[in-house]
Amino acid sequence: MNACDSEFRRKYKRLLQAIPTLPTPTQLYKKIVHACRQLHGTTQDMTPLVDRLKNLRSSREGWKECLTALQILESLRDKQALVFKLIRNELRTLFAVPSLLIATEKISESNWRAIMSQPQYDEYDNPILMKQSAIETVIADQLKILDEQQSFLNDFRRTLQEEERTESQNFQTAILSSLDEIQKKMEQSLEKTAKESMDDSIAALWSQPRKRLQRCYKESFIGMQYRLP
């Protein structure tokens, strides 16, 4: 019996040595309260984010302005989701510590329950969630809302990209139409210039024989005058 007891004590000692340094019950409680307050504030930050999303949904701005607003909202949404996940991981770790404190006899289970039963409020006297099961539910709900927001943002981005393509195609069509019109006017101008130049050349060629014939008649007439008696 003594041998078994000694073996148990050795294993128990090794187990205690394997456990990292634990906070005191008071320190642990303060950390849990701080994380719960962070969750409370992050949950409240969802309201302006949802409002901005609604404004984007009903916006009458052009696709460029809407795309800029969408990119900002995507960044805010991603940040919000990351904060919720970090808080959830932190609280899961913190809520696992009381069992170790109780197992190492740093506090009794009843005393820990008494500590955790103390209500906490924000600056507006609104109660802050301190129960792990309720916290898990709230975070899951908020992450679901953020996923739905991302789905809307993805659909809205595709709509804006389609508007961008349509505008680009219309612009290209207008440019090509303008170029065709300019080319037609240039061709008409060149044809007119060429025709006028050709008419002038023909007129010049036609006038030269007439002038020579007139000059010959004139010279012959003068010669006849000199030969008369």
Foldseek 3Di string as FASTA:
>chain_A
DVVVVVVVVVVVVVVVVPDPDDDALVVLLVVLVVLLVLLVVLLVVVVVLVVLLVCLVPDPDALVVSVVSLVVSVVVLVVSLVSLVVSLVVNVVSVVCVVVCCVVVSDPPVVSVVSLVDWDADPVRHTTDRDSVVSVVSSVVSNVVSVVSVVVSVVVNVVSVVVVVVVVVVVVVVVVVVVVVVVVVVVVVVVVVVVVVVVVVVVVVVVVVVVVVVVVVVVVVVVVVVPDD
